[in-house]
Amino acid sequence: MPLNFRGVRDNRRVTLKIHIDDSSAPPYEQVRAQISEQARSGVLPVGYRLPTVRGLAESLGLAANTVAKAYRALESDGVIETRGRNGTFVAAAGSAAERELASAAQTYVERARRLGLAEAEALAAVRDALRAAYGQG
């Protein structure tokens, strides 16, 4: 079901499409992925105020807990930030996300070395994980 909502700052239209059937990703993951992609691509600019959990849930016909789960994941990823009663906003997440990714990569490399893996083996494991996560051949 497509949903359009207007941005508070610039009246920009944002569309979320949630597909509820057995073959799709869970609704919370669809919400998370679409907001994340739109923030990353600039469709949702830094500082864009998102609808409340309850408001977005009602608009999409989802349970509030479903949207709350997506928002928690987005906040954990550094894509959005909650400012208490002031609302939820798209964060300046690029640098925070990059720092977290670099930290995770460093942790992985240290673990791979402790396990005695060669660089090529460690890199092959990462490529396999990326293909599995992103669905690439």
C-alpha atoms as a PDB file:
ATOM      1  CA  MET A   1       0.000   0.000   0.000  1.00  0.00           C
ATOM      2  CA  PRO A   2       1.639   3.291  -1.004  1.00  0.00           C
ATOM      3  CA  LEU A   3       1.711   6.151   1.444  1.00  0.00           C
ATOM      4  CA  ASN A   4       2.597   9.746   0.720  1.00  0.00           C
ATOM      5  CA  PHE A   5       3.366  12.143   3.516  1.00  0.00           C
ATOM      6  CA  ARG A   6       4.638  15.681   3.321  1.00  0.00           C
ATOM      7  CA  GLY A   7       7.829  16.897   4.891  1.00  0.00           C
ATOM      8  CA  VAL A   8       7.538  19.427   7.660  1.00  0.00           C
ATOM      9  CA  ARG A   9      10.406  21.544   6.340  1.00  0.00           C
ATOM     10  CA  ASP A  10       9.874  21.736   2.595  1.00  0.00           C
ATOM     11  CA  ASN A  11       6.594  19.996   1.682  1.00  0.00           C
ATOM     12  CA  ARG A  12       8.571  17.326  -0.162  1.00  0.00           C
ATOM     13  CA  ARG A  13       6.526  14.201  -0.885  1.00  0.00           C
ATOM     14  CA  VAL A  14       7.875  10.936   0.435  1.00  0.00           C
ATOM     15  CA  THR A  15       6.411   7.599  -0.554  1.00  0.00           C
ATOM     16  CA  LEU A  16       6.542   4.332   1.367  1.00  0.00           C
ATOM     17  CA  LYS A  17       5.140   1.160  -0.188  1.00  0.00           C
ATOM     18  CA  ILE A  18       4.410  -1.712   2.147  1.00  0.00           C
ATOM     19  CA  HIS A  19       3.559  -5.110   0.673  1.00  0.00           C
ATOM     20  CA  ILE A  20       1.939  -7.542   3.052  1.00  0.00           C
ATOM     21  CA  ASP A  21       2.147 -11.053   1.674  1.00  0.00           C
ATOM     22  CA  ASP A  22       4.086 -14.225   2.320  1.00  0.00           C
ATOM     23  CA  SER A  23       6.834 -13.501  -0.223  1.00  0.00           C
ATOM     24  CA  SER A  24       7.843 -10.025   1.005  1.00  0.00           C
ATOM     25  CA  ALA A  25      10.072  -8.887   3.808  1.00  0.00           C
ATOM     26  CA  PRO A  26       8.323  -8.247   7.136  1.00  0.00           C
ATOM     27  CA  PRO A  27       6.549  -4.863   7.260  1.00  0.00           C
ATOM     28  CA  TYR A  28       8.949  -3.382   9.849  1.00  0.00           C
ATOM     29  CA  GLU A  29      11.891  -4.288   7.594  1.00  0.00           C
ATOM     30  CA  GLN A  30      10.183  -2.688   4.591  1.00  0.00           C
ATOM     31  CA  VAL A  31       9.651   0.526   6.577  1.00  0.00           C
ATOM     32  CA  ARG A  32      13.253   0.442   7.855  1.00  0.00           C
ATOM     33  CA  ALA A  33      14.764  -0.250   4.441  1.00  0.00           C
ATOM     34  CA  GLN A  34      12.734   2.387   2.600  1.00  0.00           C
ATOM     35  CA  ILE A  35      13.385   5.158   5.118  1.00  0.00           C
ATOM     36  CA  SER A  36      17.065   4.208   5.243  1.00  0.00           C
ATOM     37  CA  GLU A  37      17.390   4.267   1.444  1.00  0.00           C
ATOM     38  CA  GLN A  38      15.536   7.568   1.135  1.00  0.00           C
ATOM     39  CA  ALA A  39      17.753   9.122   3.815  1.00  0.00           C
ATOM     40  CA  ARG A  40      20.910   7.764   2.181  1.00  0.00           C
ATOM     41  CA  SER A  41      19.900   8.995  -1.272  1.00  0.00           C
ATOM     42  CA  GLY A  42      18.897  12.459  -0.029  1.00  0.00           C
ATOM     43  CA  VAL A  43      15.182  12.086  -0.768  1.00  0.00           C
ATOM     44  CA  LEU A  44      14.799  12.566   2.988  1.00  0.00           C
ATOM     45  CA  PRO A  45      17.278  15.325   3.808  1.00  0.00           C
ATOM     46  CA  VAL A  46      19.163  15.660   7.078  1.00  0.00           C
ATOM     47  CA  GLY A  47      16.852  17.272   9.618  1.00  0.00           C
ATOM     48  CA  TYR A  48      13.672  16.012   7.924  1.00  0.00           C
ATOM     49  CA  ARG A  49      11.031  15.402  10.578  1.00  0.00           C
ATOM     50  CA  LEU A  50       9.435  11.971  10.292  1.00  0.00           C
ATOM     51  CA  PRO A  51       5.858  11.236  11.310  1.00  0.00           C
ATOM     52  CA  THR A  52       5.271   9.965  14.825  1.00  0.00           C
ATOM     53  CA  VAL A  53       5.291   6.212  15.317  1.00  0.00           C
ATOM     54  CA  ARG A  54       1.556   6.220  15.876  1.00  0.00           C
ATOM     55  CA  GLY A  55       0.881   8.548  12.932  1.00  0.00           C
ATOM     56  CA  LEU A  56       2.941   6.508  10.481  1.00  0.00           C
ATOM     57  CA  ALA A  57       1.460   3.247  11.764  1.00  0.00           C
ATOM     58  CA  GLU A  58      -2.078   4.533  11.265  1.00  0.00           C
ATOM     59  CA  SER A  59      -1.259   5.837   7.791  1.00  0.00           C
ATOM     60  CA  LEU A  60       0.249   2.513   6.738  1.00  0.00           C
ATOM     61  CA  GLY A  61      -2.350   0.360   8.455  1.00  0.00           C
ATOM     62  CA  LEU A  62       0.314  -1.256  10.630  1.00  0.00           C
ATOM     63  CA  ALA A  63       0.602  -1.843  14.354  1.00  0.00           C
ATOM     64  CA  ALA A  64       2.437   0.903  16.241  1.00  0.00           C
ATOM     65  CA  ASN A  65       4.917  -1.703  17.533  1.00  0.00           C
ATOM     66  CA  THR A  66       5.834  -2.559  13.923  1.00  0.00           C
ATOM     67  CA  VAL A  67       6.776   1.046  13.126  1.00  0.00           C
ATOM     68  CA  ALA A  68       8.452   1.439  16.531  1.00  0.00           C
ATOM     69  CA  LYS A  69      10.647  -1.589  15.736  1.00  0.00           C
ATOM     70  CA  ALA A  70      11.655  -0.017  12.413  1.00  0.00           C
ATOM     71  CA  TYR A  71      12.408   3.324  14.089  1.00  0.00           C
ATOM     72  CA  ARG A  72      14.521   1.587  16.781  1.00  0.00           C
ATOM     73  CA  ALA A  73      16.544  -0.185  14.085  1.00  0.00           C
ATOM     74  CA  LEU A  74      16.976   3.070  12.151  1.00  0.00           C
ATOM     75  CA  GLU A  75      18.093   4.878  15.292  1.00  0.00           C
ATOM     76  CA  SER A  76      20.514   2.083  16.123  1.00  0.00           C
ATOM     77  CA  ASP A  77      21.923   2.399  12.585  1.00  0.00           C
ATOM     78  CA  GLY A  78      22.345   6.157  13.021  1.00  0.00           C
ATOM     79  CA  VAL A  79      19.876   6.977  10.231  1.00  0.00           C
ATOM     80  CA  ILE A  80      17.400   8.799  12.459  1.00  0.00           C
ATOM     81  CA  GLU A  81      17.508  10.457  15.853  1.00  0.00           C
ATOM     82  CA  THR A  82      14.742  10.918  18.361  1.00  0.00           C
ATOM     83  CA  ARG A  83      14.659  14.233  20.174  1.00  0.00           C
ATOM     84  CA  GLY A  84      12.175  13.348  22.862  1.00  0.00           C
ATOM     85  CA  ARG A  85       8.879  15.194  22.501  1.00  0.00           C
ATOM     86  CA  ASN A  86      10.307  17.263  19.650  1.00  0.00           C
ATOM     87  CA  GLY A  87      10.033  14.325  17.260  1.00  0.00           C
ATOM     88  CA  THR A  88      12.109  12.003  15.130  1.00  0.00           C
ATOM     89  CA  PHE A  89      14.444  13.387  12.482  1.00  0.00           C
ATOM     90  CA  VAL A  90      16.750  12.147   9.764  1.00  0.00           C
ATOM     91  CA  ALA A  91      20.211  12.283  11.299  1.00  0.00           C
ATOM     92  CA  ALA A  92      23.445  13.410   9.758  1.00  0.00           C
ATOM     93  CA  ALA A  93      24.230   9.707   9.699  1.00  0.00           C
ATOM     94  CA  GLY A  94      26.811   9.392   6.979  1.00  0.00           C
ATOM     95  CA  SER A  95      29.802  10.016   9.185  1.00  0.00           C
ATOM     96  CA  ALA A  96      28.348   8.167  12.193  1.00  0.00           C
ATOM     97  CA  ALA A  97      27.447   5.174  10.040  1.00  0.00           C
ATOM     98  CA  GLU A  98      30.878   5.198   8.433  1.00  0.00           C
ATOM     99  CA  ARG A  99      32.561   5.307  11.851  1.00  0.00           C
ATOM    100  CA  GLU A 100      30.448   2.391  13.087  1.00  0.00           C
ATOM    101  CA  LEU A 101      31.167   0.408   9.927  1.00  0.00           C
ATOM    102  CA  ALA A 102      34.905   1.060  10.230  1.00  0.00           C
ATOM    103  CA  SER A 103      34.806  -0.058  13.861  1.00  0.00           C
ATOM    104  CA  ALA A 104      32.939  -3.255  12.938  1.00  0.00           C
ATOM    105  CA  ALA A 105      35.446  -3.923  10.148  1.00  0.00           C
ATOM    106  CA  GLN A 106      38.352  -3.448  12.540  1.00  0.00           C
ATOM    107  CA  THR A 107      36.783  -5.850  15.031  1.00  0.00           C
ATOM    108  CA  TYR A 108      36.278  -8.384  12.250  1.00  0.00           C
ATOM    109  CA  VAL A 109      39.881  -8.102  11.069  1.00  0.00           C
ATOM    110  CA  GLU A 110      41.216  -8.553  14.593  1.00  0.00           C
ATOM    111  CA  ARG A 111      39.043 -11.643  15.075  1.00  0.00           C
ATOM    112  CA  ALA A 112      40.070 -13.103  11.694  1.00  0.00           C
ATOM    113  CA  ARG A 113      43.766 -12.665  12.577  1.00  0.00           C
ATOM    114  CA  ARG A 114      43.267 -14.295  15.996  1.00  0.00           C
ATOM    115  CA  LEU A 115      41.658 -17.245  14.192  1.00  0.00           C
ATOM    116  CA  GLY A 116      44.720 -17.484  11.963  1.00  0.00           C
ATOM    117  CA  LEU A 117      42.933 -16.671   8.706  1.00  0.00           C
ATOM    118  CA  ALA A 118      44.880 -15.284   5.783  1.00  0.00           C
ATOM    119  CA  GLU A 119      43.759 -11.969   4.291  1.00  0.00           C
ATOM    120  CA  ALA A 120      42.281 -13.726   1.242  1.00  0.00           C
ATOM    121  CA  GLU A 121      40.236 -16.055   3.462  1.00  0.00           C
ATOM    122  CA  ALA A 122      38.925 -13.181   5.576  1.00  0.00           C
ATOM    123  CA  LEU A 123      38.015 -11.203   2.469  1.00  0.00           C
ATOM    124  CA  ALA A 124      36.273 -14.213   0.899  1.00  0.00           C
ATOM    125  CA  ALA A 125      34.154 -14.623   4.043  1.00  0.00           C
ATOM    126  CA  VAL A 126      33.116 -10.963   3.846  1.00  0.00           C
ATOM    127  CA  ARG A 127      32.226 -11.277   0.161  1.00  0.00           C
ATOM    128  CA  ASP A 128      30.116 -14.375   0.890  1.00  0.00           C
ATOM    129  CA  ALA A 129      28.310 -12.556   3.713  1.00  0.00           C
ATOM    130  CA  LEU A 130      27.679  -9.526   1.491  1.00  0.00           C
ATOM    131  CA  ARG A 131      26.273 -11.693  -1.311  1.00  0.00           C
ATOM    132  CA  ALA A 132      24.000 -13.455   1.183  1.00  0.00           C
ATOM    133  CA  ALA A 133      22.816 -10.186   2.756  1.00  0.00           C
ATOM    134  CA  TYR A 134      22.299  -8.238  -0.460  1.00  0.00           C
ATOM    135  CA  GLY A 135      21.053 -11.139  -2.567  1.00  0.00           C
ATOM    136  CA  GLN A 136      23.762 -10.880  -5.192  1.00  0.00           C
ATOM    137  CA  GLY A 137      24.607 -13.886  -7.354  1.00  0.00           C
END
